[in-house]
Amino acid sequence: MAARNRPRNGLVKDEASDTHEERAMWNTIVNDLKKLRGIQIRAAEVAKQQVELEGKVAKSSAPSIQEIDELQELYREGVRLAEEEQRMLNEEPSDVIKNIGILTALRTASETDSVRLPPQAKPRNPKRQKVETDGATDSPVPSPSMPPALNKVKGQGQIRSVSIPRQPDPIVKIEEGTEGSKGPAGERAGKFFIGAEVAYKQARPREDGSQWIQCNITNVTDKGNKKIYEVQDPEPDENGAPGQVYKTTAAALIAIPGVDTVLVDFPVGKHVLARYPETTTFYRAEVTGSKKDVYRLKFEDDQNQEMEVGRRFVLDVSSK
């Protein structure tokens, strides 16, 4: 990982067929659901074997050691399968339930945008065509890869563009890196406003395993009872054009603390999300020590070497 570099301006070459992040997220969810189905099928087989062996043991006056061992192994496998199912549903890298929520919100937003455009109308500002949703909105026709259930959400909610001035830091300082900086909690705490720096979780991991990148919030729009955020990559592309713009919800964002904010102290051994030195990409890491302005970290899959990262770019991901 010594040469960790993030592909710029959109998708990497082998993703050319998956041109939209929304479709990529849907494909990821479908693959994870197939894996979940396999787990559930195996869990059903294990449960059936447990019932049969329990019945056999109950009828025996003196069950053999082999039968008891087999029954214990079935119990252990059943527990392992249940834990694996819960991890896929609620934890990274799959986090199926959260990803379905994000995709539903984005699909609602993109279809609402499409419905409001007259059939022959041209956008006033051609540059807005560069905006990519965690799926694009350049066509009023629903994506063929979307199921009917997701295509029935047309027309829900009115679109109201919100111009939010950058807010000054509050008088009462709140320690960053806590639950109030992440996802819906961060939204309720007012952490996500135009101009705010955030870590944005892309729809699918890249080849090097990265999924979180640094972005700036450039616009906030109300879509019904949800807020849709436009976040921009601060890095220009190879041609010097402004960085990629994405649409997302609060569930895929973590606020990066402001320069003058009081920061939380992470203990040694804490697992965090940190910006890799000289990049704008975040990776998982473990805290090995700290100084006044930096943490010493060991990044995952980085040959066990320690690196120093500014405290502001070390984020808590205990529930992300």
Protein backbone atom coordinates (compact mmCIF):
# COMPACT_ATOMS: atom_id res chain seq x y z
CA MET A 1 0.00 0.00 0.00
CA ALA A 2 3.01 2.27 -0.16
CA ALA A 3 1.69 3.55 -3.48
CA ARG A 4 -1.94 4.02 -2.47
CA ASN A 5 -3.41 6.31 -5.08
CA ARG A 6 -7.09 6.89 -5.67
CA PRO A 7 -8.38 6.72 -9.25
CA ARG A 8 -9.54 10.20 -10.24
CA ASN A 9 -12.62 11.47 -11.98
CA GLY A 10 -15.09 8.64 -11.85
CA LEU A 11 -14.87 4.93 -12.36
CA VAL A 12 -11.79 2.82 -12.93
CA LYS A 13 -11.28 1.09 -16.30
CA ASP A 14 -12.68 -2.30 -15.36
CA GLU A 15 -15.90 -0.57 -14.26
CA ALA A 16 -16.60 0.93 -17.67
CA SER A 17 -19.73 -1.20 -18.06
CA ASP A 18 -21.01 0.04 -14.70
CA THR A 19 -21.22 3.70 -15.63
CA HIS A 20 -23.39 4.81 -12.75
CA GLU A 21 -22.73 4.53 -9.03
CA GLU A 22 -26.41 3.86 -8.38
CA ARG A 23 -26.35 0.78 -10.59
CA ALA A 24 -23.06 -0.30 -9.03
CA MET A 25 -24.60 -0.10 -5.56
CA TRP A 26 -27.59 -2.15 -6.73
CA ASN A 27 -25.30 -4.83 -8.18
CA THR A 28 -23.40 -4.96 -4.88
CA ILE A 29 -26.65 -5.38 -2.93
CA VAL A 30 -27.83 -8.15 -5.26
CA ASN A 31 -24.55 -10.05 -4.83
CA ASP A 32 -24.73 -9.69 -1.06
CA LEU A 33 -28.34 -10.91 -1.04
CA LYS A 34 -27.26 -13.98 -3.01
CA LYS A 35 -24.61 -14.68 -0.37
CA LEU A 36 -27.22 -14.21 2.36
CA ARG A 37 -29.49 -16.68 0.61
CA GLY A 38 -26.68 -19.25 0.62
CA ILE A 39 -26.14 -18.68 4.34
CA GLN A 40 -29.86 -19.09 5.04
CA ILE A 41 -30.05 -22.31 3.01
CA ARG A 42 -27.13 -23.78 4.93
CA ALA A 43 -28.63 -22.61 8.24
CA ALA A 44 -31.86 -24.43 7.39
CA GLU A 45 -29.92 -27.62 6.63
CA VAL A 46 -28.05 -27.34 9.94
CA ALA A 47 -31.30 -26.79 11.85
CA LYS A 48 -32.84 -29.87 10.24
CA GLN A 49 -29.79 -31.98 11.15
CA GLN A 50 -29.99 -30.67 14.72
CA VAL A 51 -33.64 -31.72 15.08
CA GLU A 52 -32.95 -35.17 13.65
CA LEU A 53 -29.92 -35.77 15.88
CA GLU A 54 -31.67 -34.39 18.96
CA GLY A 55 -34.52 -36.83 18.33
CA LYS A 56 -32.08 -39.70 17.97
CA VAL A 57 -30.23 -38.74 21.17
CA ALA A 58 -33.51 -38.35 23.09
CA LYS A 59 -34.56 -41.89 22.18
CA SER A 60 -31.21 -43.35 23.18
CA SER A 61 -30.67 -44.36 26.78
CA ALA A 62 -26.94 -43.71 26.43
CA PRO A 63 -25.97 -41.44 23.48
CA SER A 64 -22.47 -41.97 22.16
CA ILE A 65 -19.67 -39.44 22.52
CA GLN A 66 -19.63 -39.12 18.73
CA GLU A 67 -23.32 -38.15 18.68
CA ILE A 68 -22.80 -35.55 21.39
CA ASP A 69 -19.79 -34.12 19.55
CA GLU A 70 -21.74 -33.96 16.29
CA LEU A 71 -24.62 -32.17 18.01
CA GLN A 72 -22.27 -29.64 19.60
CA GLU A 73 -20.63 -28.95 16.24
CA LEU A 74 -24.05 -28.38 14.66
CA TYR A 75 -24.90 -25.89 17.43
CA ARG A 76 -21.61 -24.06 16.87
CA GLU A 77 -22.13 -23.92 13.11
CA GLY A 78 -25.65 -22.59 13.61
CA VAL A 79 -24.31 -19.78 15.79
CA ARG A 80 -21.57 -18.96 13.27
CA LEU A 81 -24.09 -18.76 10.42
CA ALA A 82 -26.41 -16.51 12.44
CA GLU A 83 -23.54 -14.17 13.33
CA GLU A 84 -22.38 -14.05 9.71
CA GLU A 85 -25.90 -13.19 8.57
CA GLN A 86 -26.10 -10.32 11.09
CA ARG A 87 -22.71 -8.98 10.01
CA MET A 88 -23.76 -8.89 6.36
CA LEU A 89 -27.02 -7.16 7.20
CA ASN A 90 -25.67 -4.56 9.64
CA GLU A 91 -21.90 -4.20 9.34
CA GLU A 92 -19.33 -3.26 6.72
CA PRO A 93 -18.29 -4.12 4.14
CA SER A 94 -21.77 -5.43 3.17
CA ASP A 95 -24.10 -3.44 5.48
CA VAL A 96 -27.05 -4.50 3.30
CA ILE A 97 -29.83 -2.79 5.27
CA LYS A 98 -28.13 0.61 5.27
CA ASN A 99 -27.16 0.36 1.59
CA ILE A 100 -30.75 -0.44 0.60
CA GLY A 101 -31.88 2.67 2.51
CA ILE A 102 -29.31 4.83 0.73
CA LEU A 103 -30.22 3.41 -2.67
CA THR A 104 -33.96 3.91 -2.07
CA ALA A 105 -33.43 7.57 -1.14
CA LEU A 106 -31.18 8.21 -4.14
CA ARG A 107 -33.54 6.43 -6.51
CA THR A 108 -36.42 8.55 -5.22
CA ALA A 109 -34.39 11.73 -5.72
CA SER A 110 -33.18 10.84 -9.22
CA GLU A 111 -36.63 9.86 -10.47
CA THR A 112 -38.19 13.00 -8.97
CA ASP A 113 -35.59 15.09 -10.81
CA SER A 114 -36.36 13.25 -14.05
CA VAL A 115 -40.13 13.72 -13.74
CA ARG A 116 -39.76 17.47 -13.24
CA LEU A 117 -37.77 17.99 -16.46
CA PRO A 118 -39.97 18.72 -19.53
CA PRO A 119 -39.42 16.14 -22.27
CA GLN A 120 -37.59 18.54 -24.62
CA ALA A 121 -36.19 20.90 -22.02
CA LYS A 122 -32.46 21.49 -21.88
CA PRO A 123 -30.73 22.18 -18.57
CA ARG A 124 -29.80 25.81 -18.11
CA ASN A 125 -26.30 25.01 -17.00
CA PRO A 126 -24.58 22.29 -19.05
CA LYS A 127 -21.96 21.86 -16.35
CA ARG A 128 -24.57 20.31 -14.08
CA GLN A 129 -24.43 17.24 -16.32
CA LYS A 130 -21.18 16.37 -14.55
CA VAL A 131 -23.08 15.58 -11.37
CA GLU A 132 -23.22 11.86 -10.65
CA THR A 133 -25.66 10.42 -8.19
CA ASP A 134 -24.70 7.27 -6.35
CA GLY A 135 -26.46 6.63 -9.64
CA ALA A 136 -26.91 9.13 -12.46
CA THR A 137 -30.07 11.13 -13.23
CA ASP A 138 -29.47 11.84 -16.91
CA SER A 139 -32.44 9.82 -18.14
CA PRO A 140 -36.16 9.99 -17.25
CA VAL A 141 -36.38 6.24 -17.96
CA PRO A 142 -35.89 4.14 -14.80
CA SER A 143 -32.69 2.10 -14.80
CA PRO A 144 -33.40 -1.37 -16.22
CA SER A 145 -31.47 -2.96 -13.37
CA MET A 146 -33.85 -1.51 -10.77
CA PRO A 147 -36.67 -3.73 -9.48
CA PRO A 148 -40.32 -2.56 -9.88
CA ALA A 149 -40.52 -1.83 -6.15
CA LEU A 150 -37.88 0.86 -6.46
CA ASN A 151 -39.42 2.29 -9.62
CA LYS A 152 -42.78 3.02 -7.93
CA VAL A 153 -41.48 5.92 -5.91
CA LYS A 154 -41.89 8.53 -8.68
CA GLY A 155 -43.21 11.91 -7.79
CA GLN A 156 -42.84 11.63 -4.02
CA GLY A 157 -41.96 14.88 -2.33
CA GLN A 158 -41.40 18.33 -3.74
CA ILE A 159 -37.95 19.60 -4.67
CA ARG A 160 -36.83 22.66 -2.77
CA SER A 161 -33.32 23.94 -3.27
CA VAL A 162 -31.77 25.11 -0.04
CA SER A 163 -29.13 27.78 0.08
CA ILE A 164 -27.45 27.36 3.43
CA PRO A 165 -24.75 29.82 4.41
CA ARG A 166 -21.73 28.38 6.13
CA GLN A 167 -22.40 28.42 9.82
CA PRO A 168 -19.86 29.67 12.36
CA ASP A 169 -18.55 27.23 14.93
CA PRO A 170 -20.92 27.05 17.92
CA ILE A 171 -19.95 28.70 21.16
CA VAL A 172 -20.22 25.41 23.00
CA LYS A 173 -17.50 23.17 21.58
CA ILE A 174 -18.36 19.56 20.99
CA GLU A 175 -15.79 16.83 20.75
CA GLU A 176 -15.59 15.51 17.22
CA GLY A 177 -15.15 11.87 16.23
CA THR A 178 -18.17 10.92 18.32
CA GLU A 179 -21.54 9.58 17.20
CA GLY A 180 -22.81 13.13 16.52
CA SER A 181 -20.52 13.45 13.49
CA LYS A 182 -21.76 10.44 11.53
CA GLY A 183 -24.73 9.67 9.33
CA PRO A 184 -28.23 10.76 10.42
CA ALA A 185 -26.89 11.75 13.86
CA GLY A 186 -24.46 14.13 12.19
CA GLU A 187 -27.30 15.54 10.11
CA ARG A 188 -29.42 16.17 13.22
CA ALA A 189 -26.44 17.82 14.89
CA GLY A 190 -26.07 20.24 11.96
CA LYS A 191 -22.66 18.92 10.87
CA PHE A 192 -23.52 18.71 7.17
CA PHE A 193 -23.77 22.17 5.62
CA ILE A 194 -22.54 23.81 2.45
CA GLY A 195 -18.77 24.14 2.66
CA ALA A 196 -18.33 21.41 5.27
CA GLU A 197 -15.54 18.87 4.80
CA VAL A 198 -16.71 15.27 4.97
CA ALA A 199 -15.60 11.72 4.40
CA TYR A 200 -17.89 10.25 1.73
CA LYS A 201 -18.48 6.52 1.34
CA GLN A 202 -18.59 5.57 -2.33
CA ALA A 203 -21.07 3.00 -3.57
CA ARG A 204 -18.54 0.21 -3.91
CA PRO A 205 -14.94 -0.43 -2.86
CA ARG A 206 -12.14 0.23 -5.33
CA GLU A 207 -9.45 -2.24 -6.37
CA ASP A 208 -7.23 -1.27 -3.43
CA GLY A 209 -10.08 -1.70 -0.95
CA SER A 210 -10.69 2.04 -0.47
CA GLN A 211 -14.26 3.29 -0.30
CA TRP A 212 -14.10 6.56 1.67
CA ILE A 213 -12.82 9.78 0.08
CA GLN A 214 -12.55 13.37 1.28
CA CYS A 215 -15.14 15.73 -0.22
CA ASN A 216 -16.72 19.14 0.31
CA ILE A 217 -20.49 19.64 0.54
CA THR A 218 -21.50 21.95 -2.32
CA ASN A 219 -25.30 21.80 -2.18
CA VAL A 220 -28.13 20.54 0.03
CA THR A 221 -31.60 19.76 -1.36
CA ASP A 222 -34.77 18.65 0.43
CA LYS A 223 -36.48 15.67 -1.20
CA GLY A 224 -39.64 14.99 0.77
CA ASN A 225 -38.51 14.14 4.29
CA LYS A 226 -34.89 13.50 3.29
CA LYS A 227 -31.94 15.69 2.47
CA ILE A 228 -29.80 14.97 -0.58
CA TYR A 229 -26.22 16.23 -0.46
CA GLU A 230 -24.01 17.08 -3.40
CA VAL A 231 -20.39 16.44 -2.42
CA GLN A 232 -17.40 17.25 -4.58
CA ASP A 233 -14.01 15.64 -4.77
CA PRO A 234 -11.48 18.42 -4.03
CA GLU A 235 -8.99 16.90 -6.48
CA PRO A 236 -9.21 18.09 -10.09
CA ASP A 237 -9.11 15.45 -12.80
CA GLU A 238 -6.16 14.78 -15.10
CA ASN A 239 -7.31 17.59 -17.39
CA GLY A 240 -7.53 20.13 -14.59
CA ALA A 241 -11.34 20.17 -14.55
CA PRO A 242 -13.12 20.40 -11.18
CA GLY A 243 -13.36 17.17 -9.23
CA GLN A 244 -16.19 14.66 -9.49
CA VAL A 245 -19.55 15.55 -7.89
CA TYR A 246 -21.73 12.91 -6.23
CA LYS A 247 -25.23 12.88 -4.77
CA THR A 248 -25.75 11.00 -1.53
CA THR A 249 -27.56 10.96 1.81
CA ALA A 250 -26.29 11.53 5.33
CA ALA A 251 -25.91 7.78 5.84
CA ALA A 252 -22.79 7.84 3.62
CA LEU A 253 -21.14 10.84 5.31
CA ILE A 254 -18.88 11.50 8.30
CA ALA A 255 -18.11 15.09 9.24
CA ILE A 256 -14.43 16.06 9.31
CA PRO A 257 -13.81 18.28 12.37
CA GLY A 258 -13.19 21.97 11.80
CA VAL A 259 -9.72 23.45 12.31
CA ASP A 260 -10.56 25.04 15.68
CA THR A 261 -12.69 22.21 17.02
CA VAL A 262 -11.88 20.35 20.24
CA LEU A 263 -10.99 16.81 19.20
CA VAL A 264 -11.74 13.56 20.96
CA ASP A 265 -8.80 11.46 22.25
CA PHE A 266 -8.69 7.95 20.81
CA PRO A 267 -6.95 5.33 22.98
CA VAL A 268 -4.21 3.03 21.75
CA GLY A 269 -5.80 0.04 20.02
CA LYS A 270 -8.83 2.01 18.80
CA HIS A 271 -9.90 1.17 15.24
CA VAL A 272 -10.51 4.31 13.20
CA LEU A 273 -10.95 5.64 9.68
CA ALA A 274 -7.99 7.85 8.72
CA ARG A 275 -6.81 9.78 5.68
CA TYR A 276 -3.75 8.12 4.23
CA PRO A 277 -0.78 10.54 4.07
CA GLU A 278 -0.49 12.58 0.85
CA THR A 279 -3.87 11.34 -0.46
CA THR A 280 -7.52 12.27 -0.02
CA THR A 281 -8.54 8.66 0.58
CA PHE A 282 -9.53 7.21 3.95
CA TYR A 283 -8.65 3.70 5.11
CA ARG A 284 -9.17 1.73 8.27
CA ALA A 285 -6.34 1.87 10.76
CA GLU A 286 -5.42 1.15 14.38
CA VAL A 287 -4.15 3.79 16.80
CA THR A 288 -0.68 2.96 18.14
CA GLY A 289 0.12 6.28 19.81
CA SER A 290 -0.37 10.05 19.67
CA LYS A 291 1.34 13.40 19.96
CA LYS A 292 -0.10 16.89 20.28
CA ASP A 293 -1.28 17.25 16.67
CA VAL A 294 -1.01 13.75 15.20
CA TYR A 295 -1.87 10.12 15.78
CA ARG A 296 0.50 7.27 15.02
CA LEU A 297 -1.42 4.66 13.07
CA LYS A 298 -1.04 1.26 11.47
CA PHE A 299 -3.19 1.06 8.34
CA GLU A 300 -4.78 -2.22 7.33
CA ASP A 301 -2.78 -4.19 4.76
CA ASP A 302 0.14 -1.76 4.98
CA GLN A 303 2.96 -4.12 5.98
CA ASN A 304 2.61 -3.25 9.66
CA GLN A 305 4.36 0.11 9.28
CA GLU A 306 3.45 3.10 11.45
CA MET A 307 2.49 6.44 9.92
CA GLU A 308 1.53 9.81 11.39
CA VAL A 309 -1.79 11.44 10.48
CA GLY A 310 -3.17 14.81 11.60
CA ARG A 311 -5.73 14.34 14.37
CA ARG A 312 -8.43 16.15 12.39
CA PHE A 313 -8.39 13.42 9.74
CA VAL A 314 -8.72 10.49 12.15
CA LEU A 315 -12.41 9.60 12.47
CA ASP A 316 -14.46 7.26 14.64
CA VAL A 317 -16.14 4.48 12.67
CA SER A 318 -17.37 2.22 15.46
CA SER A 319 -20.84 2.03 13.90
CA LYS A 320 -20.00 2.70 10.24
